[in-house]
Amino acid sequence: MKKRRKISARDYDATDLSLRSLRIFLCVEESGSMVAAARHLGSSKSMVSQQIANLEKNLGATLIDRDARPMRLTPAGLAFRDHARKILNGVSQARAELVSLNLAAFSELRLGMIDDLDA
């Protein structure tokens, strides 16, 4: 197993995290392999692997035990999984609320009528 460089807190930048990388991480966890996740996502294994590596680099922790078959999450990965799910669920809820707000603007219809149509 390759030894990874320790990343300090000052190397961390939350802007480097993406919703896409969170979705890919959860897909790898659920499918048990990067190949299966890539197939499910319609992508390449190398893209999935790169996204996971970038996510781990940005978080400063190894999330997936790549030596285990099927792959399994490390303790850090298990802790982060719950946060990733909450983040993605929060985004889904926000989108749903925004859609309902946009539709709510159209729920009121005002009509004007002329009392005397002959006039």
N, C-alpha and C. Protein backbone atom coordinates (compact mmCIF):
# COMPACT_ATOMS: atom_id res chain seq x y z
N MET A 1 0.85 -1.18 0.00
CA MET A 1 0.00 0.00 0.00
C MET A 1 0.89 1.24 0.00
N LYS A 2 0.60 2.19 -0.88
CA LYS A 2 1.38 3.42 -0.97
C LYS A 2 1.16 4.28 0.27
N LYS A 3 2.23 4.88 0.72
CA LYS A 3 2.13 5.80 1.84
C LYS A 3 1.74 7.18 1.30
N ARG A 4 0.73 7.76 1.88
CA ARG A 4 0.24 9.07 1.44
C ARG A 4 0.87 10.17 2.28
N ARG A 5 1.09 11.30 1.64
CA ARG A 5 1.64 12.47 2.32
C ARG A 5 0.61 13.01 3.30
N LYS A 6 1.07 13.32 4.50
CA LYS A 6 0.19 13.93 5.50
C LYS A 6 -0.19 15.32 5.03
N ILE A 7 -1.46 15.65 5.17
CA ILE A 7 -1.95 16.96 4.77
C ILE A 7 -2.35 17.71 6.02
N SER A 8 -1.88 18.92 6.14
CA SER A 8 -2.19 19.72 7.32
C SER A 8 -3.49 20.48 7.11
N ALA A 9 -4.00 21.04 8.18
CA ALA A 9 -5.25 21.81 8.12
C ALA A 9 -5.12 23.00 7.19
N ARG A 10 -3.93 23.59 7.09
CA ARG A 10 -3.78 24.77 6.23
C ARG A 10 -3.83 24.40 4.75
N ASP A 11 -3.65 23.11 4.42
CA ASP A 11 -3.77 22.66 3.03
C ASP A 11 -5.22 22.49 2.61
N TYR A 12 -6.11 22.43 3.57
CA TYR A 12 -7.52 22.16 3.31
C TYR A 12 -8.24 23.41 2.81
N ASP A 13 -9.01 23.23 1.76
CA ASP A 13 -9.82 24.32 1.23
C ASP A 13 -11.16 23.73 0.82
N ALA A 14 -12.21 24.07 1.53
CA ALA A 14 -13.53 23.49 1.28
C ALA A 14 -14.04 23.78 -0.13
N THR A 15 -13.51 24.80 -0.77
CA THR A 15 -13.97 25.11 -2.12
C THR A 15 -13.52 24.05 -3.12
N ASP A 16 -12.56 23.21 -2.72
CA ASP A 16 -12.11 22.14 -3.60
C ASP A 16 -13.06 20.95 -3.60
N LEU A 17 -13.97 20.88 -2.66
CA LEU A 17 -14.94 19.79 -2.61
C LEU A 17 -16.04 20.06 -3.62
N SER A 18 -16.50 19.00 -4.27
CA SER A 18 -17.59 19.18 -5.22
C SER A 18 -18.69 18.17 -4.93
N LEU A 19 -19.90 18.53 -5.32
CA LEU A 19 -21.02 17.61 -5.16
C LEU A 19 -20.79 16.35 -5.99
N ARG A 20 -20.17 16.54 -7.13
CA ARG A 20 -19.86 15.40 -8.00
C ARG A 20 -18.96 14.40 -7.29
N SER A 21 -17.93 14.88 -6.61
CA SER A 21 -17.02 13.97 -5.91
C SER A 21 -17.74 13.26 -4.77
N LEU A 22 -18.68 13.93 -4.11
CA LEU A 22 -19.45 13.29 -3.05
C LEU A 22 -20.33 12.19 -3.61
N ARG A 23 -20.98 12.47 -4.75
CA ARG A 23 -21.82 11.44 -5.40
C ARG A 23 -20.99 10.24 -5.81
N ILE A 24 -19.81 10.50 -6.37
CA ILE A 24 -18.94 9.41 -6.81
C ILE A 24 -18.48 8.60 -5.60
N PHE A 25 -18.10 9.27 -4.52
CA PHE A 25 -17.68 8.58 -3.30
C PHE A 25 -18.78 7.64 -2.80
N LEU A 26 -20.01 8.13 -2.73
CA LEU A 26 -21.12 7.30 -2.27
C LEU A 26 -21.41 6.16 -3.23
N CYS A 27 -21.25 6.41 -4.51
CA CYS A 27 -21.47 5.36 -5.50
C CYS A 27 -20.42 4.25 -5.35
N VAL A 28 -19.18 4.61 -5.13
CA VAL A 28 -18.12 3.62 -4.92
C VAL A 28 -18.43 2.81 -3.66
N GLU A 29 -18.84 3.48 -2.61
CA GLU A 29 -19.15 2.79 -1.37
C GLU A 29 -20.31 1.82 -1.56
N GLU A 30 -21.34 2.25 -2.25
CA GLU A 30 -22.52 1.41 -2.43
C GLU A 30 -22.26 0.24 -3.38
N SER A 31 -21.44 0.46 -4.40
CA SER A 31 -21.19 -0.60 -5.39
C SER A 31 -20.06 -1.54 -4.98
N GLY A 32 -19.17 -1.08 -4.10
CA GLY A 32 -18.09 -1.94 -3.63
C GLY A 32 -16.84 -1.93 -4.48
N SER A 33 -16.85 -1.21 -5.58
CA SER A 33 -15.64 -1.13 -6.41
C SER A 33 -15.70 0.11 -7.31
N MET A 34 -14.54 0.53 -7.73
CA MET A 34 -14.47 1.69 -8.62
C MET A 34 -14.93 1.31 -10.02
N VAL A 35 -14.68 0.07 -10.42
CA VAL A 35 -15.12 -0.39 -11.74
C VAL A 35 -16.65 -0.39 -11.81
N ALA A 36 -17.29 -0.95 -10.78
CA ALA A 36 -18.75 -0.98 -10.75
C ALA A 36 -19.34 0.43 -10.67
N ALA A 37 -18.70 1.29 -9.89
CA ALA A 37 -19.17 2.68 -9.80
C ALA A 37 -19.04 3.38 -11.14
N ALA A 38 -17.91 3.16 -11.82
CA ALA A 38 -17.70 3.78 -13.14
C ALA A 38 -18.76 3.30 -14.12
N ARG A 39 -19.05 2.01 -14.09
CA ARG A 39 -20.08 1.45 -14.97
C ARG A 39 -21.43 2.09 -14.67
N HIS A 40 -21.77 2.20 -13.39
CA HIS A 40 -23.05 2.78 -12.98
C HIS A 40 -23.15 4.26 -13.39
N LEU A 41 -22.04 4.97 -13.30
CA LEU A 41 -22.02 6.40 -13.62
C LEU A 41 -21.81 6.67 -15.10
N GLY A 42 -21.51 5.62 -15.87
CA GLY A 42 -21.24 5.80 -17.30
C GLY A 42 -19.94 6.54 -17.53
N SER A 43 -18.95 6.22 -16.71
CA SER A 43 -17.68 6.91 -16.77
C SER A 43 -16.55 5.90 -16.78
N SER A 44 -15.32 6.40 -16.75
CA SER A 44 -14.16 5.50 -16.73
C SER A 44 -13.71 5.27 -15.29
N LYS A 45 -13.05 4.13 -15.09
CA LYS A 45 -12.51 3.82 -13.77
C LYS A 45 -11.47 4.85 -13.35
N SER A 46 -10.67 5.32 -14.32
CA SER A 46 -9.64 6.29 -13.98
C SER A 46 -10.24 7.62 -13.51
N MET A 47 -11.37 8.04 -14.09
CA MET A 47 -12.02 9.27 -13.65
C MET A 47 -12.54 9.10 -12.22
N VAL A 48 -13.15 7.96 -11.96
CA VAL A 48 -13.67 7.68 -10.61
C VAL A 48 -12.52 7.66 -9.61
N SER A 49 -11.46 6.97 -9.95
CA SER A 49 -10.29 6.87 -9.08
C SER A 49 -9.69 8.25 -8.82
N GLN A 50 -9.60 9.07 -9.84
CA GLN A 50 -9.04 10.42 -9.70
C GLN A 50 -9.92 11.29 -8.81
N GLN A 51 -11.22 11.19 -8.97
CA GLN A 51 -12.14 11.97 -8.13
C GLN A 51 -12.00 11.57 -6.65
N ILE A 52 -11.87 10.27 -6.40
CA ILE A 52 -11.72 9.79 -5.03
C ILE A 52 -10.37 10.27 -4.46
N ALA A 53 -9.32 10.17 -5.26
CA ALA A 53 -8.00 10.62 -4.82
C ALA A 53 -8.02 12.12 -4.49
N ASN A 54 -8.67 12.91 -5.33
CA ASN A 54 -8.77 14.36 -5.09
C ASN A 54 -9.57 14.65 -3.82
N LEU A 55 -10.65 13.90 -3.63
CA LEU A 55 -11.48 14.08 -2.44
C LEU A 55 -10.66 13.76 -1.19
N GLU A 56 -9.93 12.66 -1.23
CA GLU A 56 -9.09 12.28 -0.09
C GLU A 56 -8.00 13.33 0.17
N LYS A 57 -7.43 13.83 -0.90
CA LYS A 57 -6.40 14.87 -0.75
C LYS A 57 -6.99 16.11 -0.10
N ASN A 58 -8.15 16.53 -0.57
CA ASN A 58 -8.78 17.74 -0.04
C ASN A 58 -9.23 17.58 1.41
N LEU A 59 -9.61 16.36 1.78
CA LEU A 59 -10.04 16.12 3.16
C LEU A 59 -8.88 15.79 4.08
N GLY A 60 -7.76 15.37 3.48
CA GLY A 60 -6.61 15.01 4.29
C GLY A 60 -6.76 13.67 4.99
N ALA A 61 -7.54 12.77 4.38
CA ALA A 61 -7.78 11.46 5.00
C ALA A 61 -8.02 10.42 3.91
N THR A 62 -7.60 9.20 4.18
CA THR A 62 -7.91 8.09 3.28
C THR A 62 -9.32 7.61 3.59
N LEU A 63 -10.17 7.59 2.59
CA LEU A 63 -11.57 7.24 2.79
C LEU A 63 -11.88 5.79 2.46
N ILE A 64 -11.11 5.23 1.52
CA ILE A 64 -11.39 3.88 1.02
C ILE A 64 -10.16 3.00 1.18
N ASP A 65 -10.36 1.80 1.72
CA ASP A 65 -9.30 0.80 1.80
C ASP A 65 -9.26 0.09 0.45
N ARG A 66 -8.30 0.46 -0.37
CA ARG A 66 -8.22 -0.08 -1.73
C ARG A 66 -7.68 -1.50 -1.77
N ASP A 67 -7.06 -1.97 -0.67
CA ASP A 67 -6.52 -3.32 -0.64
C ASP A 67 -7.58 -4.37 -0.34
N ALA A 68 -8.68 -3.98 0.24
CA ALA A 68 -9.75 -4.91 0.60
C ALA A 68 -10.60 -5.22 -0.64
N ARG A 69 -11.08 -6.45 -0.73
CA ARG A 69 -12.00 -6.84 -1.80
C ARG A 69 -13.21 -7.50 -1.17
N PRO A 70 -14.41 -6.98 -1.35
CA PRO A 70 -14.68 -5.73 -2.04
C PRO A 70 -14.15 -4.54 -1.22
N MET A 71 -13.98 -3.43 -1.91
CA MET A 71 -13.47 -2.24 -1.24
C MET A 71 -14.36 -1.91 -0.05
N ARG A 72 -13.74 -1.37 0.96
CA ARG A 72 -14.53 -0.94 2.12
C ARG A 72 -14.00 0.40 2.61
N LEU A 73 -14.84 1.08 3.33
CA LEU A 73 -14.48 2.39 3.85
C LEU A 73 -13.58 2.25 5.06
N THR A 74 -12.65 3.18 5.18
CA THR A 74 -11.83 3.30 6.37
C THR A 74 -12.69 3.94 7.46
N PRO A 75 -12.20 4.00 8.70
CA PRO A 75 -12.97 4.71 9.73
C PRO A 75 -13.27 6.16 9.33
N ALA A 76 -12.31 6.82 8.68
CA ALA A 76 -12.56 8.20 8.21
C ALA A 76 -13.65 8.20 7.13
N GLY A 77 -13.62 7.20 6.26
CA GLY A 77 -14.62 7.09 5.20
C GLY A 77 -16.01 6.86 5.77
N LEU A 78 -16.09 6.02 6.80
CA LEU A 78 -17.38 5.78 7.44
C LEU A 78 -17.94 7.06 8.06
N ALA A 79 -17.07 7.82 8.71
CA ALA A 79 -17.52 9.09 9.31
C ALA A 79 -17.93 10.08 8.24
N PHE A 80 -17.16 10.15 7.16
CA PHE A 80 -17.45 11.12 6.10
C PHE A 80 -18.69 10.73 5.30
N ARG A 81 -18.96 9.44 5.17
CA ARG A 81 -20.13 8.97 4.41
C ARG A 81 -21.41 9.63 4.91
N ASP A 82 -21.59 9.68 6.21
CA ASP A 82 -22.80 10.28 6.77
C ASP A 82 -22.89 11.76 6.43
N HIS A 83 -21.75 12.44 6.47
CA HIS A 83 -21.74 13.87 6.11
C HIS A 83 -22.04 14.06 4.63
N ALA A 84 -21.47 13.20 3.79
CA ALA A 84 -21.72 13.30 2.34
C ALA A 84 -23.21 13.11 2.05
N ARG A 85 -23.81 12.14 2.70
CA ARG A 85 -25.25 11.90 2.50
C ARG A 85 -26.07 13.11 2.94
N LYS A 86 -25.72 13.68 4.10
CA LYS A 86 -26.45 14.85 4.60
C LYS A 86 -26.31 16.03 3.64
N ILE A 87 -25.11 16.22 3.13
CA ILE A 87 -24.87 17.34 2.20
C ILE A 87 -25.71 17.16 0.94
N LEU A 88 -25.67 15.96 0.36
CA LEU A 88 -26.41 15.73 -0.89
C LEU A 88 -27.92 15.77 -0.65
N ASN A 89 -28.37 15.25 0.50
CA ASN A 89 -29.80 15.35 0.82
C ASN A 89 -30.22 16.80 1.02
N GLY A 90 -29.36 17.59 1.66
CA GLY A 90 -29.65 19.01 1.85
C GLY A 90 -29.77 19.75 0.53
N VAL A 91 -28.88 19.43 -0.41
CA VAL A 91 -28.94 20.06 -1.73
C VAL A 91 -30.22 19.66 -2.45
N SER A 92 -30.59 18.38 -2.35
CA SER A 92 -31.84 17.92 -2.98
C SER A 92 -33.06 18.62 -2.40
N GLN A 93 -33.06 18.77 -1.08
CA GLN A 93 -34.18 19.46 -0.43
C GLN A 93 -34.23 20.93 -0.83
N ALA A 94 -33.08 21.56 -0.93
CA ALA A 94 -33.04 22.96 -1.33
C ALA A 94 -33.57 23.13 -2.74
N ARG A 95 -33.18 22.24 -3.64
CA ARG A 95 -33.68 22.30 -5.01
C ARG A 95 -35.18 22.12 -5.05
N ALA A 96 -35.70 21.15 -4.28
CA ALA A 96 -37.14 20.91 -4.25
C ALA A 96 -37.88 22.13 -3.72
N GLU A 97 -37.33 22.77 -2.70
CA GLU A 97 -37.97 23.98 -2.16
C GLU A 97 -37.96 25.11 -3.17
N LEU A 98 -36.87 25.27 -3.88
CA LEU A 98 -36.80 26.33 -4.88
C LEU A 98 -37.79 26.09 -6.01
N VAL A 99 -37.93 24.84 -6.42
CA VAL A 99 -38.90 24.52 -7.46
C VAL A 99 -40.31 24.84 -6.97
N SER A 100 -40.61 24.48 -5.73
CA SER A 100 -41.96 24.75 -5.21
C SER A 100 -42.19 26.26 -5.04
N LEU A 101 -41.14 27.01 -4.71
CA LEU A 101 -41.29 28.46 -4.62
C LEU A 101 -41.57 29.07 -5.98
N ASN A 102 -40.90 28.58 -7.00
CA ASN A 102 -41.13 29.09 -8.35
C ASN A 102 -42.54 28.76 -8.82
N LEU A 103 -43.03 27.59 -8.47
CA LEU A 103 -44.39 27.21 -8.86
C LEU A 103 -45.42 27.98 -8.03
N ALA A 104 -45.08 28.29 -6.80
CA ALA A 104 -46.02 29.01 -5.94
C ALA A 104 -46.31 30.40 -6.50
N ALA A 105 -45.38 30.97 -7.22
CA ALA A 105 -45.59 32.29 -7.81
C ALA A 105 -46.71 32.25 -8.85
N PHE A 106 -46.95 31.10 -9.41
CA PHE A 106 -47.99 30.96 -10.44
C PHE A 106 -49.30 30.43 -9.88
N SER A 107 -49.41 30.27 -8.58
CA SER A 107 -50.63 29.69 -8.01
C SER A 107 -51.77 30.70 -7.90
N GLU A 108 -51.48 31.97 -8.04
CA GLU A 108 -52.51 32.99 -7.92
C GLU A 108 -52.80 33.56 -9.30
N LEU A 109 -54.03 33.53 -9.67
CA LEU A 109 -54.45 34.05 -10.97
C LEU A 109 -55.46 35.17 -10.73
N ARG A 110 -55.21 36.32 -11.31
CA ARG A 110 -56.12 37.45 -11.18
C ARG A 110 -56.75 37.71 -12.54
N LEU A 111 -58.06 37.86 -12.51
CA LEU A 111 -58.81 38.13 -13.73
C LEU A 111 -59.52 39.48 -13.58
N GLY A 112 -59.58 40.17 -14.65
CA GLY A 112 -60.35 41.41 -14.67
C GLY A 112 -61.52 41.25 -15.62
N MET A 113 -62.67 41.73 -15.22
CA MET A 113 -63.84 41.61 -16.07
C MET A 113 -64.52 42.96 -16.21
N ILE A 114 -65.07 43.18 -17.35
CA ILE A 114 -65.84 44.40 -17.61
C ILE A 114 -67.29 44.09 -17.23
N ASP A 115 -67.90 44.98 -16.45
CA ASP A 115 -69.26 44.75 -16.00
C ASP A 115 -70.24 44.68 -17.16
N ASP A 116 -70.09 45.54 -18.11
CA ASP A 116 -71.04 45.62 -19.21
C ASP A 116 -70.27 45.33 -20.49
N LEU A 117 -70.44 44.17 -21.05
CA LEU A 117 -69.72 43.78 -22.25
C LEU A 117 -70.21 44.55 -23.48
N ASP A 118 -71.48 45.08 -23.45
CA ASP A 118 -71.99 45.84 -24.59
C ASP A 118 -71.33 47.21 -24.69
N ALA A 119 -70.87 47.73 -23.62
CA ALA A 119 -70.29 49.06 -23.64
C ALA A 119 -68.97 48.94 -24.27
